[in-house]
Amino acid sequence: MDDDIEATHAVQRVMSPGALWVDDDATLRSIAVMLAEARIGVAFVKRPDGSAGIVSERDLVRLVAEGADVDTVAASEVAQFPLVTVPVDERIGDAARRMVMEDVRHLAVVDGSEIVGVVSARDLLPVLADEVTSGW
């Protein structure tokens, strides 16, 4: 990680650019396959009305453990709607607080009305850990 990144810097410095989109009728199995192939942890779900939600690998694990049929359950049935978003210039520390307040591990990063990436707790933790331990 870049040692020059601080909690006051924008999430753009640590976010993963781009996004994996799936249709709202995509099955859990197809989402799991796409996430595994792309080696990422979340997919955005687009409804026909244009609204967006999110499905994470954690959601998939929970659903499988609960006995969901991965070949028939659709993304629209399990995605979190609406998306929790942060602007591309949001400070890393503020994004972390937002995750805690909203009880989520991923935030869609937006530039205006366009989703330009995703930031995860895993992206923020090293920066915040450096901030805490720099005074030790």
C-alpha atoms as a PDB file:
ATOM      1  CA  MET A   1       0.000   0.000   0.000  1.00  0.00           C
ATOM      2  CA  ASP A   2       1.052   3.579  -0.661  1.00  0.00           C
ATOM      3  CA  ASP A   3       2.396   4.933   2.650  1.00  0.00           C
ATOM      4  CA  ASP A   4       1.397   8.451   1.605  1.00  0.00           C
ATOM      5  CA  ILE A   5      -2.336   7.718   1.817  1.00  0.00           C
ATOM      6  CA  GLU A   6      -4.081   9.196   4.842  1.00  0.00           C
ATOM      7  CA  ALA A   7      -7.613   9.047   6.229  1.00  0.00           C
ATOM      8  CA  THR A   8      -8.155  12.596   4.973  1.00  0.00           C
ATOM      9  CA  HIS A   9      -7.490  11.603   1.355  1.00  0.00           C
ATOM     10  CA  ALA A  10     -10.293  10.799  -1.065  1.00  0.00           C
ATOM     11  CA  VAL A  11     -11.649   7.262  -1.418  1.00  0.00           C
ATOM     12  CA  GLN A  12     -10.645   7.490  -5.071  1.00  0.00           C
ATOM     13  CA  ARG A  13      -7.073   6.734  -3.898  1.00  0.00           C
ATOM     14  CA  VAL A  14      -8.038   3.290  -2.537  1.00  0.00           C
ATOM     15  CA  MET A  15     -11.202   2.264  -4.407  1.00  0.00           C
ATOM     16  CA  SER A  16     -11.393  -0.472  -6.998  1.00  0.00           C
ATOM     17  CA  PRO A  17     -12.344   1.222 -10.267  1.00  0.00           C
ATOM     18  CA  GLY A  18     -15.146  -0.129 -12.416  1.00  0.00           C
ATOM     19  CA  ALA A  19     -17.944  -2.407 -11.378  1.00  0.00           C
ATOM     20  CA  LEU A  20     -19.415  -5.789 -12.192  1.00  0.00           C
ATOM     21  CA  TRP A  21     -23.066  -5.435 -13.150  1.00  0.00           C
ATOM     22  CA  VAL A  22     -25.640  -8.231 -13.248  1.00  0.00           C
ATOM     23  CA  ASP A  23     -29.266  -8.206 -14.308  1.00  0.00           C
ATOM     24  CA  ASP A  24     -31.870  -8.458 -11.593  1.00  0.00           C
ATOM     25  CA  ASP A  25     -32.848 -11.939 -12.795  1.00  0.00           C
ATOM     26  CA  ALA A  26     -29.296 -13.358 -12.541  1.00  0.00           C
ATOM     27  CA  THR A  27     -29.207 -16.465 -10.345  1.00  0.00           C
ATOM     28  CA  LEU A  28     -27.068 -16.777  -7.237  1.00  0.00           C
ATOM     29  CA  ARG A  29     -24.973 -19.412  -9.009  1.00  0.00           C
ATOM     30  CA  SER A  30     -24.272 -17.152 -11.984  1.00  0.00           C
ATOM     31  CA  ILE A  31     -23.328 -14.293  -9.659  1.00  0.00           C
ATOM     32  CA  ALA A  32     -20.980 -16.559  -7.696  1.00  0.00           C
ATOM     33  CA  VAL A  33     -19.319 -17.699 -10.926  1.00  0.00           C
ATOM     34  CA  MET A  34     -18.855 -14.118 -12.135  1.00  0.00           C
ATOM     35  CA  LEU A  35     -17.418 -12.987  -8.790  1.00  0.00           C
ATOM     36  CA  ALA A  36     -14.996 -15.926  -8.724  1.00  0.00           C
ATOM     37  CA  GLU A  37     -13.874 -15.328 -12.305  1.00  0.00           C
ATOM     38  CA  ALA A  38     -13.377 -11.607 -11.722  1.00  0.00           C
ATOM     39  CA  ARG A  39     -11.782 -12.232  -8.295  1.00  0.00           C
ATOM     40  CA  ILE A  40     -13.925  -9.573  -6.651  1.00  0.00           C
ATOM     41  CA  GLY A  41     -16.358  -9.534  -3.746  1.00  0.00           C
ATOM     42  CA  VAL A  42     -19.434  -7.670  -4.971  1.00  0.00           C
ATOM     43  CA  ALA A  43     -21.721  -7.290  -7.944  1.00  0.00           C
ATOM     44  CA  PHE A  44     -24.070  -4.426  -8.637  1.00  0.00           C
ATOM     45  CA  VAL A  45     -27.620  -5.339  -9.597  1.00  0.00           C
ATOM     46  CA  LYS A  46     -29.603  -3.215 -12.023  1.00  0.00           C
ATOM     47  CA  ARG A  47     -33.398  -3.296 -11.972  1.00  0.00           C
ATOM     48  CA  PRO A  48     -35.449  -2.542 -15.092  1.00  0.00           C
ATOM     49  CA  ASP A  49     -36.453   0.803 -13.529  1.00  0.00           C
ATOM     50  CA  GLY A  50     -32.767   1.805 -13.413  1.00  0.00           C
ATOM     51  CA  SER A  51     -32.321   1.512  -9.652  1.00  0.00           C
ATOM     52  CA  ALA A  52     -29.230  -0.280  -8.402  1.00  0.00           C
ATOM     53  CA  GLY A  53     -28.457  -2.640  -5.554  1.00  0.00           C
ATOM     54  CA  ILE A  54     -25.564  -4.809  -4.443  1.00  0.00           C
ATOM     55  CA  VAL A  55     -24.903  -8.482  -3.726  1.00  0.00           C
ATOM     56  CA  SER A  56     -21.737  -9.499  -1.899  1.00  0.00           C
ATOM     57  CA  GLU A  57     -19.928 -12.781  -1.554  1.00  0.00           C
ATOM     58  CA  ARG A  58     -20.912 -12.669   2.114  1.00  0.00           C
ATOM     59  CA  ASP A  59     -24.576 -12.507   1.062  1.00  0.00           C
ATOM     60  CA  LEU A  60     -24.050 -15.555  -1.141  1.00  0.00           C
ATOM     61  CA  VAL A  61     -22.428 -17.571   1.641  1.00  0.00           C
ATOM     62  CA  ARG A  62     -25.241 -16.696   4.047  1.00  0.00           C
ATOM     63  CA  LEU A  63     -27.911 -17.647   1.507  1.00  0.00           C
ATOM     64  CA  VAL A  64     -26.276 -20.980   0.704  1.00  0.00           C
ATOM     65  CA  ALA A  65     -25.991 -21.724   4.431  1.00  0.00           C
ATOM     66  CA  GLU A  66     -29.712 -20.953   4.770  1.00  0.00           C
ATOM     67  CA  GLY A  67     -30.484 -23.445   2.004  1.00  0.00           C
ATOM     68  CA  ALA A  68     -31.289 -21.065  -0.854  1.00  0.00           C
ATOM     69  CA  ASP A  69     -31.571 -22.690  -4.270  1.00  0.00           C
ATOM     70  CA  VAL A  70     -28.651 -21.107  -6.111  1.00  0.00           C
ATOM     71  CA  ASP A  71     -30.192 -21.985  -9.476  1.00  0.00           C
ATOM     72  CA  THR A  72     -33.555 -20.303  -8.931  1.00  0.00           C
ATOM     73  CA  VAL A  73     -33.073 -17.431  -6.471  1.00  0.00           C
ATOM     74  CA  ALA A  74     -32.549 -14.186  -8.385  1.00  0.00           C
ATOM     75  CA  ALA A  75     -30.355 -11.215  -7.603  1.00  0.00           C
ATOM     76  CA  SER A  76     -33.408  -8.976  -7.176  1.00  0.00           C
ATOM     77  CA  GLU A  77     -34.583 -11.171  -4.292  1.00  0.00           C
ATOM     78  CA  VAL A  78     -31.393 -10.801  -2.264  1.00  0.00           C
ATOM     79  CA  ALA A  79     -29.670  -7.564  -3.297  1.00  0.00           C
ATOM     80  CA  GLN A  80     -29.503  -4.642  -0.945  1.00  0.00           C
ATOM     81  CA  PHE A  81     -31.526  -1.768  -2.402  1.00  0.00           C
ATOM     82  CA  PRO A  82     -30.865   1.102  -2.530  1.00  0.00           C
ATOM     83  CA  LEU A  83     -27.105   1.236  -2.803  1.00  0.00           C
ATOM     84  CA  VAL A  84     -25.128   2.960  -0.102  1.00  0.00           C
ATOM     85  CA  THR A  85     -22.904   5.388  -1.974  1.00  0.00           C
ATOM     86  CA  VAL A  86     -20.114   7.857  -1.355  1.00  0.00           C
ATOM     87  CA  PRO A  87     -18.815  10.558  -3.665  1.00  0.00           C
ATOM     88  CA  VAL A  88     -15.458   9.902  -5.302  1.00  0.00           C
ATOM     89  CA  ASP A  89     -13.943  12.761  -3.277  1.00  0.00           C
ATOM     90  CA  GLU A  90     -15.275  11.537   0.103  1.00  0.00           C
ATOM     91  CA  ARG A  91     -12.534  11.333   2.720  1.00  0.00           C
ATOM     92  CA  ILE A  92     -11.442   7.811   3.633  1.00  0.00           C
ATOM     93  CA  GLY A  93     -12.193   8.390   7.325  1.00  0.00           C
ATOM     94  CA  ASP A  94     -15.704   9.613   6.528  1.00  0.00           C
ATOM     95  CA  ALA A  95     -16.311   6.626   4.248  1.00  0.00           C
ATOM     96  CA  ALA A  96     -15.291   4.302   7.087  1.00  0.00           C
ATOM     97  CA  ARG A  97     -17.755   6.039   9.422  1.00  0.00           C
ATOM     98  CA  ARG A  98     -20.460   5.668   6.786  1.00  0.00           C
ATOM     99  CA  MET A  99     -19.810   1.932   6.587  1.00  0.00           C
ATOM    100  CA  VAL A 100     -20.190   1.644  10.346  1.00  0.00           C
ATOM    101  CA  MET A 101     -23.362   3.767  10.429  1.00  0.00           C
ATOM    102  CA  GLU A 102     -24.977   1.852   7.552  1.00  0.00           C
ATOM    103  CA  ASP A 103     -23.639  -1.555   8.728  1.00  0.00           C
ATOM    104  CA  VAL A 104     -22.140  -2.370   5.316  1.00  0.00           C
ATOM    105  CA  ARG A 105     -18.733  -3.520   4.106  1.00  0.00           C
ATOM    106  CA  HIS A 106     -18.889  -2.040   0.599  1.00  0.00           C
ATOM    107  CA  LEU A 107     -19.790   1.384  -0.722  1.00  0.00           C
ATOM    108  CA  ALA A 108     -20.511   2.266  -4.320  1.00  0.00           C
ATOM    109  CA  VAL A 109     -18.290   5.184  -5.300  1.00  0.00           C
ATOM    110  CA  VAL A 110     -20.052   7.744  -7.454  1.00  0.00           C
ATOM    111  CA  ASP A 111     -18.935  10.648  -9.572  1.00  0.00           C
ATOM    112  CA  GLY A 112     -22.098  12.666  -9.974  1.00  0.00           C
ATOM    113  CA  SER A 113     -24.740  10.053 -10.764  1.00  0.00           C
ATOM    114  CA  GLU A 114     -22.321   7.513 -12.288  1.00  0.00           C
ATOM    115  CA  ILE A 115     -20.937   4.563 -10.315  1.00  0.00           C
ATOM    116  CA  VAL A 116     -17.199   4.600 -10.943  1.00  0.00           C
ATOM    117  CA  GLY A 117     -16.033   1.961  -8.497  1.00  0.00           C
ATOM    118  CA  VAL A 118     -16.395   0.305  -5.141  1.00  0.00           C
ATOM    119  CA  VAL A 119     -14.560   0.745  -1.869  1.00  0.00           C
ATOM    120  CA  SER A 120     -14.509  -2.010   0.711  1.00  0.00           C
ATOM    121  CA  ALA A 121     -13.676  -2.155   4.384  1.00  0.00           C
ATOM    122  CA  ARG A 122     -10.600  -4.119   3.306  1.00  0.00           C
ATOM    123  CA  ASP A 123      -9.500  -1.121   1.210  1.00  0.00           C
ATOM    124  CA  LEU A 124      -9.918   1.289   4.118  1.00  0.00           C
ATOM    125  CA  LEU A 125      -8.518  -0.782   6.973  1.00  0.00           C
ATOM    126  CA  PRO A 126      -4.795  -0.465   6.086  1.00  0.00           C
ATOM    127  CA  VAL A 127      -5.075   3.318   5.864  1.00  0.00           C
ATOM    128  CA  LEU A 128      -6.906   3.568   9.171  1.00  0.00           C
ATOM    129  CA  ALA A 129      -4.506   1.121  10.835  1.00  0.00           C
ATOM    130  CA  ASP A 130      -1.544   3.223   9.675  1.00  0.00           C
ATOM    131  CA  GLU A 131      -3.204   6.316  11.131  1.00  0.00           C
ATOM    132  CA  VAL A 132      -3.708   4.638  14.494  1.00  0.00           C
ATOM    133  CA  THR A 133      -0.266   3.051  14.724  1.00  0.00           C
ATOM    134  CA  SER A 134       1.734   6.015  13.403  1.00  0.00           C
ATOM    135  CA  GLY A 135       1.732   7.509  16.894  1.00  0.00           C
ATOM    136  CA  TRP A 136       2.966   4.341  18.613  1.00  0.00           C
END
